[in-house]
Protein backbone atom coordinates (compact mmCIF):
# COMPACT_ATOMS: atom_id res chain seq x y z
CA MET A 1 59.74 -50.17 12.89
CA VAL A 2 62.11 -47.54 14.36
CA LYS A 3 61.73 -49.00 17.89
CA ARG A 4 62.51 -52.51 16.64
CA ARG A 5 65.67 -51.30 14.82
CA PHE A 6 66.77 -49.46 18.01
CA VAL A 7 66.39 -52.61 20.11
CA ARG A 8 68.26 -54.72 17.54
CA ASN A 9 71.18 -52.26 17.32
CA THR A 10 71.38 -52.06 21.12
CA VAL A 11 71.66 -55.84 21.32
CA ILE A 12 74.46 -55.84 18.72
CA VAL A 13 76.41 -53.19 20.64
CA LEU A 14 76.05 -55.12 23.92
CA LEU A 15 77.21 -58.35 22.29
CA SER A 16 80.21 -56.57 20.80
CA LEU A 17 81.17 -55.17 24.21
CA ILE A 18 80.92 -58.65 25.75
CA VAL A 19 83.17 -60.13 23.01
CA LEU A 20 85.75 -57.37 23.44
CA SER A 21 85.72 -57.86 27.20
CA CYS A 22 86.34 -61.59 26.78
CA GLN A 23 89.15 -60.96 24.33
CA LYS A 24 90.86 -58.64 26.80
CA GLU A 25 90.53 -61.26 29.52
CA GLU A 26 92.09 -63.89 27.19
CA GLU A 27 95.09 -61.77 26.20
CA VAL A 28 98.30 -63.38 27.45
CA ASP A 29 101.22 -61.37 28.76
CA LEU A 30 104.26 -62.44 26.73
CA SER A 31 106.58 -59.67 27.90
CA ASN A 32 108.66 -62.17 29.87
CA ILE A 33 108.93 -64.64 26.97
CA ASN A 34 112.10 -63.86 25.02
CA LEU A 35 114.90 -65.53 23.09
CA LEU A 36 118.01 -63.75 24.31
CA SER A 37 120.80 -65.45 22.35
CA VAL A 38 121.58 -68.32 20.00
CA ARG A 39 125.03 -69.84 19.81
CA PHE A 40 126.74 -72.75 18.11
CA LEU A 41 129.62 -73.93 20.28
CA LYS A 42 132.66 -75.63 18.85
CA ALA A 43 132.57 -78.03 21.81
CA ASN A 44 129.24 -79.39 20.54
CA ASN A 45 129.93 -79.02 16.79
CA PRO A 46 133.26 -80.51 15.68
CA SER A 47 132.88 -79.07 12.15
CA LEU A 48 133.19 -75.53 13.52
CA GLY A 49 136.53 -73.84 13.92
CA SER A 50 135.28 -71.56 16.68
CA ASP A 51 132.13 -70.63 18.59
CA ILE A 52 129.51 -68.67 16.64
CA GLU A 53 127.03 -66.30 18.27
CA LEU A 54 124.17 -65.19 16.04
CA ASN A 55 123.28 -61.53 15.54
CA PHE A 56 119.80 -60.38 16.58
CA ASP A 57 117.94 -57.75 14.56
CA ASN A 58 116.00 -56.61 17.65
CA GLU A 59 112.79 -57.87 16.10
CA ASP A 60 112.49 -61.59 15.46
CA THR A 61 115.52 -62.85 13.49
CA PHE A 62 118.89 -64.27 14.52
CA SER A 63 121.48 -64.62 11.74
CA SER A 64 125.13 -65.31 11.07
CA PHE A 65 127.55 -66.88 8.60
CA VAL A 66 129.06 -70.32 9.04
CA PRO A 67 132.22 -71.33 7.14
CA TYR A 68 132.46 -73.78 4.27
CA GLY A 69 132.79 -77.32 5.56
CA THR A 70 130.43 -76.78 8.47
CA SER A 71 127.94 -79.63 8.91
CA ILE A 72 125.07 -77.20 8.57
CA GLU A 73 122.55 -80.03 8.18
CA SER A 74 123.29 -81.28 11.73
CA LEU A 75 124.17 -78.41 14.03
CA ILE A 76 123.59 -78.30 17.79
CA ALA A 77 122.46 -74.94 19.13
CA SER A 78 122.57 -73.45 22.62
CA TYR A 79 119.78 -71.04 23.57
CA GLU A 80 119.55 -68.42 26.29
CA PHE A 81 115.91 -67.56 26.82
CA GLU A 82 113.21 -66.35 29.18
CA GLY A 83 110.34 -68.79 29.32
CA TYR A 84 109.56 -72.43 29.95
CA SER A 85 110.87 -74.18 26.82
CA VAL A 86 112.28 -73.80 23.30
CA GLN A 87 110.82 -75.80 20.42
CA ILE A 88 111.51 -76.38 16.72
CA ASP A 89 108.69 -77.97 14.73
CA GLY A 90 106.97 -78.92 17.98
CA GLU A 91 110.01 -80.72 19.40
CA GLU A 92 111.51 -79.41 22.62
CA GLN A 93 115.15 -78.41 22.31
CA THR A 94 117.84 -79.34 24.80
CA ASN A 95 120.94 -77.15 24.89
CA SER A 96 124.12 -78.85 23.68
CA VAL A 97 122.10 -81.94 22.67
CA SER A 98 119.39 -81.26 20.07
CA SER A 99 120.62 -81.38 16.49
CA ASN A 100 118.84 -79.71 13.56
CA ASP A 101 119.29 -78.95 9.86
CA PHE A 102 119.92 -75.21 9.59
CA GLY A 103 120.55 -75.23 5.84
CA LYS A 104 117.24 -73.41 5.43
CA GLU A 105 115.53 -70.82 7.62
CA ARG A 106 114.17 -72.39 10.82
CA THR A 107 111.46 -71.13 13.17
CA VAL A 108 112.24 -71.34 16.89
CA SER A 109 109.38 -70.98 19.39
CA VAL A 110 109.90 -69.83 22.99
CA LEU A 111 106.92 -70.93 25.10
CA ASP A 112 105.52 -70.43 28.57
CA GLU A 113 104.06 -73.25 30.70
CA GLY A 114 100.68 -72.83 29.04
CA GLY A 115 102.09 -73.29 25.53
CA ASN A 116 101.85 -69.59 24.61
CA GLY A 117 104.91 -67.97 23.16
CA LYS A 118 106.83 -66.09 20.51
CA ASP A 119 108.37 -67.25 17.22
CA TYR A 120 111.86 -66.32 16.05
CA SER A 121 113.68 -67.01 12.78
CA ILE A 122 117.20 -68.44 12.52
CA ARG A 123 118.95 -67.68 9.23
CA LEU A 124 122.38 -69.25 8.83
CA HIS A 125 124.26 -68.11 5.75
CA TYR A 126 126.54 -70.91 4.57
CA HIS A 127 129.99 -69.96 3.25
CA THR A 128 129.56 -66.54 1.55
CA GLY A 129 125.76 -66.63 1.67
CA LEU A 130 125.42 -67.26 -2.07
CA PRO A 131 123.95 -70.46 -3.49
CA ILE A 132 126.65 -73.01 -4.34
CA VAL A 133 126.97 -75.00 -7.55
CA PHE A 134 129.00 -78.19 -7.19
CA LEU A 135 130.37 -79.71 -10.41
CA ASP A 136 132.12 -83.05 -10.52
CA ILE A 137 134.17 -83.44 -13.70
CA PHE A 138 136.66 -86.20 -14.40
CA ASP A 139 139.25 -83.71 -15.64
CA PRO A 140 138.30 -80.00 -15.48
CA GLU A 141 141.17 -79.10 -17.80
CA SER A 142 139.68 -81.31 -20.49
CA VAL A 143 136.35 -79.46 -20.78
CA PRO A 144 136.14 -78.50 -24.46
CA ARG A 145 134.62 -75.31 -25.77
CA GLU A 146 132.94 -76.89 -28.78
CA GLN A 147 131.32 -80.07 -27.48
CA TYR A 148 129.66 -81.44 -24.36
CA ILE A 149 131.16 -83.96 -21.95
CA SER A 150 129.44 -85.73 -19.07
CA ALA A 151 129.52 -84.34 -15.51
CA GLU A 152 127.58 -84.31 -12.24
CA VAL A 153 125.99 -81.25 -10.65
CA SER A 154 124.29 -80.46 -7.36
CA VAL A 155 123.10 -77.10 -6.10
CA TYR A 156 122.82 -75.82 -2.54
CA GLY A 157 120.18 -73.13 -2.90
CA GLY A 158 121.00 -71.34 0.34
CA LEU A 159 118.27 -69.66 2.34
CA ASP A 160 116.14 -68.49 -0.56
CA PHE A 161 116.15 -71.25 -3.18
CA LEU A 162 115.51 -74.97 -3.49
CA ASP A 163 118.42 -77.39 -3.55
CA ILE A 164 119.15 -79.72 -6.47
CA ASP A 165 120.40 -83.20 -5.66
CA ASP A 166 123.22 -84.90 -7.59
CA THR A 167 122.21 -84.97 -11.24
CA THR A 168 123.99 -86.11 -14.39
CA ILE A 169 124.46 -83.27 -16.87
CA GLU A 170 126.57 -82.34 -19.86
CA ILE A 171 129.01 -79.44 -19.82
CA ARG A 172 131.10 -77.51 -22.30
CA GLY A 173 132.92 -74.21 -22.43
CA ARG A 174 131.30 -71.06 -23.75
CA GLY A 175 132.38 -67.57 -24.72
CA ASN A 176 135.24 -66.41 -26.91
CA SER A 177 137.87 -64.11 -25.40
CA THR A 178 138.07 -66.12 -22.16
CA TRP A 179 139.10 -69.20 -24.16
CA MET A 180 141.70 -67.58 -26.41
CA GLY A 181 145.18 -68.97 -25.85
CA GLY A 182 144.30 -70.52 -22.50
CA GLN A 183 145.52 -67.43 -20.62
CA VAL A 184 142.34 -66.97 -18.55
CA GLU A 185 142.00 -69.36 -15.62
CA LYS A 186 138.42 -68.42 -14.73
CA LYS A 187 136.33 -69.79 -17.58
CA PRO A 188 132.61 -69.65 -18.38
CA TYR A 189 130.59 -72.82 -19.03
CA GLN A 190 127.33 -74.03 -20.44
CA ILE A 191 125.50 -76.94 -18.80
CA LYS A 192 122.64 -79.07 -20.07
CA PHE A 193 120.26 -81.17 -17.97
CA SER A 194 118.67 -84.27 -19.47
CA ASP A 195 115.23 -82.90 -18.51
CA LYS A 196 113.93 -79.42 -17.85
CA GLN A 197 114.99 -78.22 -14.43
CA GLU A 198 114.02 -75.20 -12.32
CA VAL A 199 117.19 -73.56 -11.04
CA LEU A 200 117.40 -70.98 -8.24
CA GLY A 201 113.80 -69.89 -8.71
CA MET A 202 114.18 -69.42 -12.47
CA ALA A 203 111.68 -71.16 -14.73
CA GLU A 204 112.58 -74.70 -15.74
CA ASP A 205 114.65 -75.42 -18.82
CA ARG A 206 117.49 -77.66 -19.89
CA ARG A 207 120.31 -75.26 -20.80
CA TRP A 208 122.00 -72.84 -18.43
CA VAL A 209 125.20 -70.81 -18.52
CA LEU A 210 127.79 -70.02 -15.86
CA LEU A 211 129.14 -66.53 -16.54
CA ALA A 212 132.64 -66.07 -15.13
CA GLU A 213 132.64 -62.23 -15.18
CA HIS A 214 136.44 -62.32 -15.38
CA TYR A 215 136.72 -59.14 -17.42
CA ASP A 216 134.24 -57.20 -15.27
CA ARG A 217 135.94 -56.71 -11.94
CA SER A 218 132.76 -55.34 -10.38
CA MET A 219 130.96 -58.55 -11.51
CA ILE A 220 127.79 -56.44 -11.66
CA ARG A 221 127.40 -55.23 -15.25
CA ASN A 222 125.55 -58.26 -16.63
CA LYS A 223 123.22 -58.52 -13.64
CA LEU A 224 122.42 -54.81 -13.83
CA SER A 225 121.66 -55.06 -17.54
CA PHE A 226 119.42 -58.11 -17.02
CA GLU A 227 117.40 -56.03 -14.57
CA MET A 228 117.17 -53.16 -17.03
CA GLY A 229 115.88 -55.67 -19.57
CA ASN A 230 113.26 -56.87 -17.10
CA MET A 231 112.10 -53.26 -16.68
CA SER A 232 111.73 -52.88 -20.44
CA ASN A 233 109.19 -53.66 -23.13
CA PHE A 234 110.92 -56.87 -24.23
CA ASP A 235 108.84 -60.02 -24.34
CA TYR A 236 111.73 -61.72 -22.56
CA SER A 237 114.97 -60.73 -20.86
CA PRO A 238 117.41 -63.25 -19.34
CA GLN A 239 117.63 -63.78 -15.60
CA GLY A 240 120.64 -64.79 -13.55
CA GLU A 241 121.63 -65.38 -9.94
CA TYR A 242 125.00 -65.07 -8.23
CA VAL A 243 126.53 -68.37 -7.14
CA GLU A 244 129.74 -69.85 -5.79
CA LEU A 245 131.18 -72.45 -8.14
CA PHE A 246 133.09 -75.51 -6.91
CA ILE A 247 134.61 -77.98 -9.37
CA ASN A 248 135.71 -81.29 -7.85
CA ASP A 249 135.29 -79.60 -4.44
CA GLN A 250 137.78 -76.87 -5.40
CA PRO A 251 136.54 -73.26 -5.22
CA LYS A 252 136.35 -71.44 -8.55
CA GLY A 253 134.95 -68.11 -7.38
CA THR A 254 131.92 -65.94 -8.03
CA TYR A 255 129.77 -66.73 -11.08
CA VAL A 256 126.38 -65.74 -12.43
CA LEU A 257 124.22 -68.76 -13.21
CA ALA A 258 121.98 -67.44 -15.98
CA GLN A 259 119.41 -68.47 -18.52
CA LYS A 260 120.76 -69.18 -21.98
CA VAL A 261 119.35 -67.04 -24.77
CA GLU A 262 117.26 -69.52 -26.72
CA GLU A 263 113.76 -70.31 -27.94
CA ALA A 264 111.60 -71.89 -25.22
CA LYS A 265 108.20 -71.35 -23.69
CA ASN A 266 109.80 -70.12 -20.48
CA ARG A 267 112.31 -67.95 -22.32
CA LEU A 268 112.01 -66.42 -25.78
CA ASP A 269 108.66 -67.89 -26.81
CA ILE A 270 108.67 -67.65 -30.61
CA GLY A 271 107.27 -71.10 -31.29
CA ASP A 272 108.60 -73.81 -33.57
CA ASN A 273 108.53 -71.62 -36.68
CA GLY A 274 110.11 -68.52 -35.15
CA TYR A 275 113.66 -67.39 -35.88
CA LEU A 276 116.32 -66.20 -33.42
CA ILE A 277 119.25 -64.49 -35.13
CA GLU A 278 122.57 -63.31 -33.71
CA MET A 279 124.74 -60.76 -35.47
CA ASP A 280 128.23 -62.19 -35.07
CA GLN A 281 131.64 -62.39 -36.70
CA ARG A 282 132.49 -65.11 -39.18
CA HIS A 283 135.56 -66.25 -37.24
CA ARG A 284 133.44 -66.85 -34.11
CA VAL A 285 130.93 -69.31 -35.55
CA TYR A 286 131.08 -73.07 -35.09
CA GLY A 287 131.40 -75.52 -37.96
CA ASP A 288 127.76 -76.60 -37.82
CA ASP A 289 126.32 -73.08 -37.51
CA VAL A 290 124.01 -71.91 -40.29
CA TYR A 291 124.19 -68.25 -41.27
CA PHE A 292 123.60 -65.80 -44.11
CA GLU A 293 125.29 -62.59 -45.24
CA PRO A 294 122.90 -59.64 -45.61
CA PRO A 295 124.48 -57.62 -48.43
CA ILE A 296 123.12 -54.19 -47.44
CA PHE A 297 124.12 -54.52 -43.78
CA ARG A 298 127.59 -55.67 -44.71
CA GLN A 299 127.97 -52.79 -47.14
CA ARG A 300 126.85 -50.26 -44.53
CA ALA A 301 129.19 -51.80 -41.96
CA GLN A 302 132.24 -51.21 -44.16
CA LYS A 303 132.92 -48.02 -42.20
CA PHE A 304 134.33 -50.46 -39.63
CA SER A 305 137.08 -52.13 -41.63
CA TRP A 306 137.44 -54.98 -39.16
CA LEU A 307 133.81 -56.12 -39.30
CA ASP A 308 132.93 -59.38 -41.03
CA THR A 309 129.39 -59.59 -39.68
CA ILE A 310 127.17 -62.51 -40.55
CA PHE A 311 123.65 -63.29 -39.33
CA ASN A 312 123.84 -66.58 -37.43
CA ILE A 313 120.53 -68.46 -37.26
CA LYS A 314 120.35 -69.76 -33.66
CA GLU A 315 116.74 -70.98 -33.91
CA PRO A 316 115.36 -73.21 -35.34
CA ALA A 317 118.29 -75.28 -34.13
CA ASP A 318 117.95 -77.83 -36.92
CA ILE A 319 117.77 -75.38 -39.82
CA GLN A 320 119.73 -76.28 -42.94
CA TYR A 321 121.10 -74.34 -45.91
CA ASN A 322 119.10 -74.22 -49.15
CA THR A 323 115.76 -75.00 -47.52
CA GLY A 324 112.48 -73.10 -47.51
CA GLU A 325 113.05 -72.16 -43.85
CA TYR A 326 116.45 -70.74 -44.65
CA ALA A 327 115.16 -68.77 -47.63
CA GLU A 328 112.25 -67.34 -45.63
CA ILE A 329 114.36 -65.58 -43.01
CA GLU A 330 117.06 -64.48 -45.42
CA ASN A 331 114.51 -63.02 -47.85
CA PHE A 332 112.55 -61.23 -45.11
CA VAL A 333 115.64 -59.58 -43.60
CA ASN A 334 116.90 -58.55 -47.03
CA ALA A 335 113.47 -57.11 -47.91
CA PHE A 336 113.44 -55.16 -44.63
CA GLU A 337 116.88 -53.72 -45.32
CA GLU A 338 115.95 -52.74 -48.87
CA VAL A 339 113.02 -50.75 -47.48
CA LEU A 340 114.99 -49.35 -44.54
CA PHE A 341 117.74 -48.03 -46.78
CA GLY A 342 115.41 -47.06 -49.61
CA ASN A 343 114.30 -43.58 -50.58
CA ASN A 344 110.84 -43.87 -49.00
CA PHE A 345 111.92 -45.48 -45.74
CA LYS A 346 110.16 -42.80 -43.64
CA ASP A 347 106.79 -43.37 -45.31
CA PRO A 348 104.32 -44.56 -42.60
CA GLU A 349 102.66 -46.97 -45.03
CA ALA A 350 105.38 -48.10 -47.41
CA GLY A 351 108.42 -47.66 -45.16
CA TYR A 352 110.22 -49.59 -42.45
CA ARG A 353 107.39 -49.33 -39.89
CA ASN A 354 105.75 -52.39 -41.41
CA TYR A 355 108.81 -54.46 -40.53
CA ILE A 356 109.85 -53.58 -36.97
CA ASP A 357 108.43 -53.72 -33.47
CA PHE A 358 109.01 -50.17 -32.21
CA ASP A 359 109.03 -50.96 -28.49
CA SER A 360 111.76 -53.60 -28.70
CA PHE A 361 113.95 -51.61 -31.10
CA ILE A 362 113.82 -48.51 -28.93
CA ASP A 363 114.45 -50.30 -25.63
CA TRP A 364 117.25 -52.39 -27.16
CA TYR A 365 118.90 -49.22 -28.43
CA LEU A 366 118.51 -47.27 -25.19
CA ILE A 367 119.72 -50.00 -22.83
CA ASN A 368 122.75 -50.69 -24.99
CA GLU A 369 123.42 -46.97 -25.43
CA ILE A 370 123.18 -46.36 -21.68
CA GLY A 371 125.78 -49.06 -21.10
CA LYS A 372 127.76 -48.30 -24.27
CA SER A 373 128.06 -52.05 -24.80
CA VAL A 374 131.23 -52.27 -26.83
CA ASP A 375 130.06 -54.94 -29.31
CA ALA A 376 126.46 -53.82 -29.83
CA TYR A 377 127.19 -51.61 -32.84
CA GLY A 378 127.02 -54.79 -34.90
CA TYR A 379 130.05 -56.84 -33.90
CA ALA A 380 128.52 -59.61 -31.75
CA SER A 381 125.84 -60.60 -29.22
CA VAL A 382 123.20 -58.59 -31.10
CA PHE A 383 120.04 -60.72 -31.09
CA PHE A 384 116.76 -60.25 -32.89
CA SER A 385 113.80 -62.52 -33.56
CA TYR A 386 111.19 -62.91 -36.25
CA VAL A 387 107.98 -64.93 -36.31
CA PRO A 388 106.58 -65.31 -39.86
CA GLY A 389 103.65 -62.97 -40.35
CA GLU A 390 104.82 -60.65 -37.56
CA LYS A 391 107.52 -57.98 -37.22
CA ILE A 392 111.21 -58.11 -36.33
CA LYS A 393 111.82 -57.71 -32.59
CA MET A 394 115.20 -56.72 -31.18
CA GLY A 395 116.61 -58.62 -28.22
CA PRO A 396 117.09 -60.31 -25.93
CA ILE A 397 119.91 -58.10 -24.65
CA TRP A 398 123.10 -59.97 -23.82
CA ASP A 399 126.80 -59.70 -22.97
CA PHE A 400 127.47 -56.54 -20.97
CA ASP A 401 130.75 -57.34 -19.23
CA LEU A 402 132.56 -55.00 -21.66
CA SER A 403 130.24 -52.06 -21.09
CA TYR A 404 129.69 -49.14 -18.71
CA GLY A 405 133.22 -47.82 -19.26
CA ASN A 406 134.94 -51.20 -19.15
CA ALA A 407 136.55 -51.33 -22.60
CA ASP A 408 139.23 -48.71 -23.04
CA TYR A 409 140.60 -50.33 -26.21
CA ASN A 410 137.74 -48.45 -27.89
CA PRO A 411 137.81 -44.83 -26.68
CA GLN A 412 134.39 -44.10 -28.22
CA ALA A 413 132.83 -46.79 -26.02
CA PHE A 414 134.95 -46.09 -22.95
CA TYR A 415 133.94 -42.58 -21.91
CA PRO A 416 130.50 -41.75 -20.43
CA THR A 417 129.93 -38.98 -22.97
CA GLY A 418 129.20 -39.41 -26.68
CA ASN A 419 126.90 -41.81 -28.49
CA TRP A 420 128.09 -45.22 -29.64
CA ILE A 421 125.30 -47.69 -30.42
CA ASN A 422 123.82 -45.21 -32.91
CA LYS A 423 126.59 -46.39 -35.24
CA HIS A 424 124.83 -49.73 -35.66
CA PRO A 425 123.71 -49.59 -39.34
CA TRP A 426 120.04 -50.23 -38.54
CA ILE A 427 119.89 -47.77 -35.64
CA GLU A 428 121.87 -45.15 -37.52
CA ARG A 429 119.35 -45.23 -40.35
CA LEU A 430 116.30 -45.29 -38.07
CA LEU A 431 117.54 -42.19 -36.26
CA GLU A 432 117.42 -40.32 -39.56
CA ASP A 433 113.64 -40.49 -39.20
CA ASP A 434 112.41 -37.73 -36.87
CA TYR A 435 109.42 -39.89 -35.94
CA PHE A 436 111.65 -42.70 -34.61
CA LYS A 437 114.03 -40.23 -33.00
CA GLN A 438 111.20 -38.54 -31.11
CA LYS A 439 109.94 -41.92 -29.86
CA VAL A 440 113.45 -42.64 -28.55
CA ILE A 441 113.64 -39.31 -26.73
CA GLU A 442 110.21 -39.80 -25.17
CA ARG A 443 111.07 -43.31 -24.03
CA TYR A 444 114.41 -42.25 -22.54
CA THR A 445 112.51 -40.34 -19.85
CA TYR A 446 111.41 -43.72 -18.46
CA PHE A 447 115.00 -44.93 -17.99
CA TYR A 448 116.24 -41.53 -16.82
CA ASP A 449 113.63 -41.53 -14.07
CA LYS A 450 114.93 -44.90 -12.89
CA ARG A 451 118.51 -43.72 -12.39
CA ASP A 452 118.21 -43.97 -8.59
CA ASP A 453 116.83 -47.50 -8.97
CA PHE A 454 119.90 -48.46 -11.01
CA MET A 455 122.20 -47.10 -8.29
CA ASP A 456 120.26 -49.02 -5.66
CA LEU A 457 120.60 -52.22 -7.70
CA ILE A 458 124.37 -51.75 -7.92
CA ASP A 459 124.55 -51.29 -4.14
CA GLN A 460 122.32 -54.33 -3.62
CA PHE A 461 124.44 -56.57 -5.84
CA SER A 462 127.66 -55.27 -4.29
CA HIS A 463 126.36 -56.12 -0.82
CA GLN A 464 125.14 -59.52 -2.01
CA ILE A 465 128.56 -60.60 -3.29
CA ASN A 466 130.70 -58.78 -0.74
CA ARG A 467 132.00 -61.91 0.97
CA SER A 468 132.16 -63.85 -2.27
CA GLN A 469 134.19 -61.26 -4.20
CA ALA A 470 136.85 -61.23 -1.47
CA LEU A 471 137.42 -64.96 -1.92
CA ASN A 472 137.15 -64.62 -5.69
CA TYR A 473 140.02 -62.17 -5.80
CA GLU A 474 142.12 -64.33 -3.54
CA LEU A 475 141.84 -66.95 -6.29
CA TYR A 476 142.18 -64.63 -9.29
CA GLN A 477 144.35 -61.72 -8.34
CA ASN A 478 143.35 -59.35 -11.12
CA LEU A 479 142.21 -56.48 -8.94
CA GLY A 480 144.70 -53.68 -9.49
CA GLN A 481 146.08 -55.48 -12.55
CA GLU A 482 145.78 -54.26 -16.13
CA ILE A 483 143.59 -56.45 -18.36
CA TRP A 484 143.51 -56.28 -22.15
CA ASN A 485 139.98 -54.84 -22.14
CA ASN A 486 140.66 -52.14 -19.55
CA SER A 487 144.03 -50.84 -18.47
CA SER A 488 142.88 -47.26 -17.83
CA ALA A 489 140.31 -47.67 -15.05
CA VAL A 490 142.20 -50.02 -12.74
CA PHE A 491 141.41 -50.11 -9.02
CA GLN A 492 142.88 -51.89 -6.03
CA THR A 493 139.60 -52.88 -4.36
CA HIS A 494 136.20 -54.18 -5.36
CA GLU A 495 134.62 -51.23 -3.56
CA GLU A 496 136.48 -48.85 -5.88
CA GLU A 497 135.39 -50.88 -8.91
CA VAL A 498 131.76 -50.55 -7.82
CA GLU A 499 132.13 -46.83 -7.14
CA TYR A 500 133.64 -46.34 -10.60
CA LEU A 501 130.67 -48.15 -12.16
CA LYS A 502 128.18 -45.98 -10.25
CA ASN A 503 129.93 -42.73 -11.11
CA TRP A 504 130.29 -43.70 -14.76
CA LEU A 505 126.62 -44.69 -15.04
CA PHE A 506 125.38 -41.54 -13.31
CA GLU A 507 127.45 -39.34 -15.60
CA ARG A 508 126.33 -41.35 -18.62
CA ILE A 509 122.62 -41.11 -17.83
CA THR A 510 122.93 -37.40 -17.11
CA TRP A 511 124.78 -36.74 -20.36
CA MET A 512 122.28 -38.72 -22.44
CA ASN A 513 119.40 -36.73 -20.97
CA GLY A 514 120.42 -33.71 -23.04
CA ASN A 515 122.37 -35.27 -25.88
CA LEU A 516 120.43 -38.17 -27.39
């Protein structure tokens, strides 16, 4: 038996040596096969204003930017190479003759006479490198805030996302302060597709928003907060991608195309019988909105004399007053508040713990407290959901342009020291319970440990929109200009705005680590 195993193993070793020897003999020397340069010459491409030579990363990728108006779908390249031929998708390329669509990443192969070779990537960034949303509207000045009008949209997804061909949509304005008095030129919008549509890699749905970020001169605060939400314990946090917006082929600057906060399977999945509520101000609701006035909350909020907070029922969208659905949510919230502000609210069995989802309440509080979101103490954009038979969940988080030290009209929210969101009546009461407070402190360690990640995200977003922000501020010259929300931290450059955000956030996170 031993002899037979020895013979068998010897045969295996010999066969392996033969295979390795053959492989070495078949190895092809590709050291003299190289793509040396890629250029797009104006002489061959009339849509170019000048010659463009692509940058090589010294590995396998050539890249560059081409200006808006370039016929990127039919560009003629010139290649300098070592080898026998250059091919794209198996077709041999002829310098100054072969035309290709470079709107997406293309693979270029440099081959020897035997068909062996190396592959290289060509990545052409169109315009600023961001995806582009094209809106065609009969009269952009006529877009109302309250109702939809018809429009056409197409999306160039750039190098990383799918395009969307011309599609009929509906559009209306959105937001509040950016529509007051007509003094803000850069306005946010909401668009609605007739059918669910995947957009820029985000899960399909009908409704999307275009955030103008006019009052946040870094244009980073919402994106950063979305990412914090995605790191959290929320069931859902909105996503958004930077885009260039063109309306009737006129540039409108840098926007964030984001998911709308709403009930949907691909968003906040609370089913047909779930409720989505927004704490808002009475003067901000639309005529067909349905809301209720929680008496205890409103009484507790009287410390802020200007608050007229109502609970606006966003979902179900077709809810009506004086129905069983309406009574169910109103009664449950009122019952929760009676317990929360009752004498035995700390009781593990009879107290508030039966009504709230701890993870969402704590993460909602911490993310908003880190950013000191100016409205999150109970003024507006405070969302929570409730599915009958379950517990109240806070979130999704929303509306962070006036945060991270970007609202000096409220000194308590402006500076990186001091607490602010703990003045929200619910949070204020919950923090009177040492059990809840300890859970908050323990959870804060998670966000504190991610402080370097937050800084990296800010740098990443700043780099991503670097070209776009320059054009944005040529259109809207509010860099270095006082704005109603922030006349104290005013900077001349986008780079300084970003540095201010980073410094403020670092100081804020450090302060909170010892002062929650």
